[in-house]
């Protein structure tokens, strides 16, 4: 997560080492050591609480939300969301980028667990924050629009979703190594077409979007790192669903190779 919650040097606060916490978390995730990642985050959550480091606690709460979303642990995710939203109020972060990032993170998890109306309300809060800032990074805006569109699709608000996906593609086109997020968005757009038009009517558009996703994932300029492996695994099932079996096999193979360190 890129948001800076740093409290180094604040009087009376024993701050946790944020960059080290995130770097170690990335190590755990690169090995898919989810149990180790949870232990790591819970340890630093308690350290932040004991040290009175509310900003550090917020950072860890955000990481826990994302972690539990990935592992499918609904109740733990919801608890982490409540903690993060409470901390935003205590810190009086208001319209800061940190608040926007927390809203997006929480809303994305809520959407994953089927709480779409609540998710959309938080996405709207994030949108107000991000769009009011002249210097908001394209990656943040792209992620917001993409995930907000998913909630709209769940609520059958297809026109809104389509417009948001177009905005996400444009923003990720401006972001460094944004091809991976664009590939994910292409797949999401294919799912939208199927939900809205049906597979038979939407077949041509769906296959065009899947072809574009495959080309983006094959971009040689994209680093073949742990995040690339994560995206490969994320995208492979959708390729398989639409009959792109060879592409799904290739992506799963790439992920295994990267995780094995070969």
Protein backbone atom coordinates (compact mmCIF):
# COMPACT_ATOMS: atom_id res chain seq x y z
CA UNK A 1 0.00 0.00 0.00
CA UNK A 2 1.46 3.38 -0.99
CA UNK A 3 -0.22 5.59 1.60
CA UNK A 4 2.13 7.18 4.15
CA UNK A 5 0.90 6.91 7.74
CA UNK A 6 4.27 7.86 9.22
CA UNK A 7 4.39 9.15 12.80
CA UNK A 8 8.15 8.99 13.30
CA UNK A 9 9.27 11.51 15.90
CA UNK A 10 5.80 12.29 17.27
CA UNK A 11 5.99 12.93 21.02
CA UNK A 12 4.73 10.14 23.27
CA UNK A 13 4.31 7.70 20.37
CA UNK A 14 6.39 4.57 19.78
CA UNK A 15 6.01 4.19 16.04
CA UNK A 16 6.19 0.88 14.22
CA UNK A 17 8.65 0.60 11.29
CA UNK A 18 6.13 0.94 8.49
CA UNK A 19 8.41 0.29 5.53
CA UNK A 20 9.85 -2.81 7.19
CA UNK A 21 6.36 -4.08 8.00
CA UNK A 22 5.29 -3.72 4.35
CA UNK A 23 8.52 -5.17 2.96
CA UNK A 24 8.19 -8.25 5.16
CA UNK A 25 4.54 -8.58 4.21
CA UNK A 26 5.56 -8.60 0.54
CA UNK A 27 8.00 -11.41 1.29
CA UNK A 28 5.28 -13.53 2.87
CA UNK A 29 2.92 -12.91 -0.03
CA UNK A 30 5.58 -13.71 -2.63
CA UNK A 31 5.78 -17.17 -1.02
CA UNK A 32 2.00 -17.39 -0.53
CA UNK A 33 2.63 -17.87 3.18
CA UNK A 34 -0.76 -16.59 4.29
CA UNK A 35 -0.48 -17.91 7.85
CA UNK A 36 2.89 -16.22 8.27
CA UNK A 37 1.52 -13.00 6.81
CA UNK A 38 -1.36 -12.96 9.30
CA UNK A 39 0.96 -13.60 12.26
CA UNK A 40 3.23 -10.81 11.04
CA UNK A 41 0.40 -8.30 10.74
CA UNK A 42 -1.23 -9.19 14.06
CA UNK A 43 2.11 -8.80 15.83
CA UNK A 44 2.63 -5.31 14.44
CA UNK A 45 -1.01 -4.39 15.06
CA UNK A 46 -0.47 -5.09 18.76
CA UNK A 47 2.86 -3.22 18.74
CA UNK A 48 1.14 -0.19 17.24
CA UNK A 49 -1.61 -0.34 19.86
CA UNK A 50 0.87 -0.63 22.70
CA UNK A 51 2.91 2.26 21.33
CA UNK A 52 -0.08 4.54 20.80
CA UNK A 53 0.71 4.63 17.08
CA UNK A 54 -2.74 5.16 15.56
CA UNK A 55 -1.36 5.76 12.08
CA UNK A 56 0.68 2.59 12.22
CA UNK A 57 -2.38 0.74 13.46
CA UNK A 58 -4.36 2.11 10.50
CA UNK A 59 -1.73 0.90 8.06
CA UNK A 60 -1.83 -2.60 9.56
CA UNK A 61 -5.65 -2.61 9.60
CA UNK A 62 -5.65 -1.82 5.88
CA UNK A 63 -3.20 -4.63 5.22
CA UNK A 64 -5.37 -7.02 7.23
CA UNK A 65 -8.45 -6.05 5.21
CA UNK A 66 -6.68 -6.94 1.99
CA UNK A 67 -5.22 -10.10 3.47
CA UNK A 68 -8.55 -11.42 4.73
CA UNK A 69 -10.22 -10.54 1.44
CA UNK A 70 -7.68 -12.69 -0.38
CA UNK A 71 -8.06 -15.57 2.08
CA UNK A 72 -11.88 -15.33 2.10
CA UNK A 73 -12.19 -14.80 5.86
CA UNK A 74 -15.32 -12.67 5.99
CA UNK A 75 -15.71 -12.04 9.72
CA UNK A 76 -12.06 -11.18 10.19
CA UNK A 77 -12.23 -8.83 7.22
CA UNK A 78 -15.31 -7.09 8.58
CA UNK A 79 -13.63 -6.64 11.96
CA UNK A 80 -10.57 -5.14 10.27
CA UNK A 81 -12.83 -2.79 8.29
CA UNK A 82 -14.54 -1.55 11.45
CA UNK A 83 -11.14 -0.97 13.04
CA UNK A 84 -9.86 0.98 10.03
CA UNK A 85 -12.95 3.20 9.80
CA UNK A 86 -12.81 3.88 13.53
CA UNK A 87 -9.16 4.87 13.27
CA UNK A 88 -9.96 7.28 10.43
CA UNK A 89 -12.35 9.10 12.73
CA UNK A 90 -9.92 9.12 15.65
CA UNK A 91 -7.16 10.49 13.44
CA UNK A 92 -9.54 13.03 11.86
CA UNK A 93 -8.10 12.24 8.43
CA UNK A 94 -11.19 13.58 6.66
CA UNK A 95 -10.54 14.12 2.97
CA UNK A 96 -6.96 12.88 2.92
CA UNK A 97 -5.57 10.33 0.46
CA UNK A 98 -5.14 7.98 3.42
CA UNK A 99 -8.89 8.16 3.99
CA UNK A 100 -9.61 7.55 0.30
CA UNK A 101 -7.31 4.54 0.24
CA UNK A 102 -8.98 3.10 3.33
CA UNK A 103 -12.45 3.60 1.85
CA UNK A 104 -11.43 1.81 -1.37
CA UNK A 105 -9.80 -1.03 0.53
CA UNK A 106 -12.80 -1.52 2.79
CA UNK A 107 -15.31 -1.20 -0.05
CA UNK A 108 -13.44 -3.72 -2.20
CA UNK A 109 -13.59 -6.26 0.61
CA UNK A 110 -17.27 -5.55 1.27
CA UNK A 111 -18.01 -6.10 -2.42
CA UNK A 112 -16.10 -9.40 -2.35
CA UNK A 113 -18.29 -10.55 0.53
CA UNK A 114 -21.55 -9.48 -1.13
CA UNK A 115 -22.26 -6.27 0.81
CA UNK A 116 -22.61 -4.25 -2.36
CA UNK A 117 -24.73 -1.31 -1.21
CA UNK A 118 -22.40 -0.58 1.68
CA UNK A 119 -19.42 -1.02 -0.62
CA UNK A 120 -20.78 1.48 -3.13
CA UNK A 121 -21.35 4.07 -0.40
CA UNK A 122 -17.68 3.82 0.62
CA UNK A 123 -16.55 3.95 -3.00
CA UNK A 124 -18.48 7.21 -3.38
CA UNK A 125 -16.62 8.62 -0.37
CA UNK A 126 -13.31 7.60 -1.91
CA UNK A 127 -14.29 9.10 -5.25
CA UNK A 128 -15.02 12.45 -3.61
CA UNK A 129 -11.56 12.40 -2.03
CA UNK A 130 -9.60 11.25 -5.07
CA UNK A 131 -11.32 13.41 -7.67
CA UNK A 132 -10.96 16.53 -5.54
CA UNK A 133 -7.18 16.12 -5.41
CA UNK A 134 -5.27 17.52 -8.37
CA UNK A 135 -2.29 15.23 -7.72
CA UNK A 136 -4.08 11.92 -7.14
CA UNK A 137 -2.04 9.14 -8.76
CA UNK A 138 -3.59 7.50 -11.85
CA UNK A 139 -3.14 4.07 -10.24
CA UNK A 140 -5.32 5.10 -7.29
CA UNK A 141 -8.04 6.46 -9.56
CA UNK A 142 -7.88 3.42 -11.83
CA UNK A 143 -8.20 1.04 -8.90
CA UNK A 144 -11.14 3.02 -7.53
CA UNK A 145 -13.04 3.04 -10.83
CA UNK A 146 -12.39 -0.64 -11.52
CA UNK A 147 -13.52 -1.84 -8.11
CA UNK A 148 -16.44 0.57 -7.98
CA UNK A 149 -17.62 -0.83 -11.30
CA UNK A 150 -17.63 -4.34 -9.83
CA UNK A 151 -20.06 -3.19 -7.16
CA UNK A 152 -22.25 -1.56 -9.82
CA UNK A 153 -22.34 -4.81 -11.83
CA UNK A 154 -23.40 -6.70 -8.69
CA UNK A 155 -26.27 -4.23 -8.32
CA UNK A 156 -27.12 -4.51 -12.08
CA UNK A 157 -26.20 -0.87 -12.68
CA UNK A 158 -24.56 -1.78 -15.96
CA UNK A 159 -24.33 1.62 -17.65
CA UNK A 160 -22.56 3.09 -14.63
CA UNK A 161 -20.21 0.12 -14.53
CA UNK A 162 -19.30 0.42 -18.22
CA UNK A 163 -18.46 4.10 -17.83
CA UNK A 164 -16.33 3.38 -14.76
CA UNK A 165 -14.42 0.61 -16.55
CA UNK A 166 -13.62 2.98 -19.40
CA UNK A 167 -12.30 5.49 -16.87
CA UNK A 168 -10.25 2.79 -15.17
CA UNK A 169 -8.63 1.76 -18.47
CA UNK A 170 -7.71 5.37 -19.22
CA UNK A 171 -6.17 5.97 -15.79
CA UNK A 172 -4.19 2.70 -15.79
CA UNK A 173 -2.88 3.59 -19.23
CA UNK A 174 -1.15 6.52 -17.53
CA UNK A 175 0.24 4.47 -14.62
CA UNK A 176 3.65 2.82 -14.56
CA UNK A 177 3.29 -0.88 -15.47
CA UNK A 178 -0.48 -0.36 -15.61
CA UNK A 179 -0.92 -3.15 -18.15
CA UNK A 180 -1.63 -5.69 -15.42
CA UNK A 181 -4.50 -3.67 -14.01
CA UNK A 182 -5.78 -3.04 -17.53
CA UNK A 183 -5.81 -6.80 -18.14
CA UNK A 184 -7.88 -7.34 -15.01
CA UNK A 185 -10.26 -4.58 -16.08
CA UNK A 186 -10.64 -6.16 -19.54
CA UNK A 187 -11.73 -9.39 -17.90
CA UNK A 188 -14.13 -7.50 -15.66
CA UNK A 189 -15.56 -5.78 -18.74
CA UNK A 190 -16.08 -9.19 -20.37
CA UNK A 191 -18.00 -10.32 -17.30
CA UNK A 192 -20.10 -7.16 -17.52
CA UNK A 193 -20.96 -7.87 -21.16
CA UNK A 194 -22.04 -11.40 -20.30
CA UNK A 195 -24.15 -10.23 -17.35
CA UNK A 196 -25.81 -7.48 -19.38
CA UNK A 197 -26.18 -9.08 -22.83
CA UNK A 198 -25.83 -12.81 -22.28
CA UNK A 199 -23.06 -15.02 -23.66
CA UNK A 200 -24.60 -15.55 -27.10
CA UNK A 201 -25.29 -11.89 -27.86
CA UNK A 202 -22.10 -10.64 -26.27
CA UNK A 203 -19.72 -13.32 -27.57
CA UNK A 204 -17.84 -11.13 -30.06
CA UNK A 205 -17.23 -8.33 -27.56
CA UNK A 206 -16.27 -10.79 -24.84
CA UNK A 207 -13.65 -12.51 -26.98
CA UNK A 208 -12.23 -9.17 -28.12
CA UNK A 209 -11.81 -8.14 -24.49
CA UNK A 210 -10.22 -11.45 -23.54
CA UNK A 211 -7.79 -11.19 -26.46
CA UNK A 212 -6.82 -7.74 -25.27
CA UNK A 213 -6.30 -9.01 -21.72
CA UNK A 214 -4.01 -11.78 -22.99
CA UNK A 215 -1.95 -9.28 -24.99
CA UNK A 216 -1.56 -6.99 -21.96
CA UNK A 217 -0.37 -9.86 -19.78
CA UNK A 218 2.17 -10.84 -22.43
CA UNK A 219 3.67 -7.33 -22.53
CA UNK A 220 7.45 -7.90 -22.14
CA UNK A 221 7.83 -4.53 -20.40
CA UNK A 222 5.86 -5.72 -17.36
CA UNK A 223 8.14 -6.98 -14.53
CA UNK A 224 7.80 -10.73 -13.89
CA UNK A 225 7.69 -10.37 -10.11
CA UNK A 226 5.48 -11.54 -7.25
CA UNK A 227 2.69 -9.19 -8.22
CA UNK A 228 2.77 -10.47 -11.78
CA UNK A 229 2.41 -14.01 -10.39
CA UNK A 230 -0.57 -12.89 -8.30
CA UNK A 231 -2.26 -11.32 -11.33
CA UNK A 232 -1.59 -14.43 -13.43
CA UNK A 233 -3.35 -16.58 -10.85
CA UNK A 234 -6.17 -14.06 -10.57
CA UNK A 235 -6.76 -13.94 -14.33
CA UNK A 236 -6.29 -17.62 -15.19
CA UNK A 237 -9.76 -18.82 -14.04
CA UNK A 238 -11.54 -16.24 -16.21
CA UNK A 239 -9.52 -17.27 -19.25
CA UNK A 240 -10.46 -20.88 -18.54
CA UNK A 241 -14.11 -19.93 -18.09
CA UNK A 242 -14.24 -18.36 -21.55
CA UNK A 243 -12.42 -21.28 -23.17
CA UNK A 244 -8.90 -19.85 -23.30
CA UNK A 245 -7.41 -23.03 -21.85
CA UNK A 246 -3.89 -22.62 -23.23
CA UNK A 247 -3.66 -19.07 -21.88
CA UNK A 248 -4.90 -20.18 -18.46
CA UNK A 249 -2.30 -22.95 -18.38
CA UNK A 250 0.44 -20.52 -19.41
CA UNK A 251 -0.45 -18.04 -16.70
CA UNK A 252 -0.63 -20.69 -13.98
CA UNK A 253 2.75 -21.96 -15.14
CA UNK A 254 4.21 -18.46 -14.97
CA UNK A 255 2.89 -18.01 -11.44
CA UNK A 256 4.35 -21.32 -10.27
CA UNK A 257 7.71 -20.49 -11.83
CA UNK A 258 7.87 -17.10 -10.13
CA UNK A 259 6.77 -18.42 -6.74
CA UNK A 260 9.39 -21.18 -7.00
CA UNK A 261 12.04 -18.56 -7.73
CA UNK A 262 13.13 -20.10 -11.03
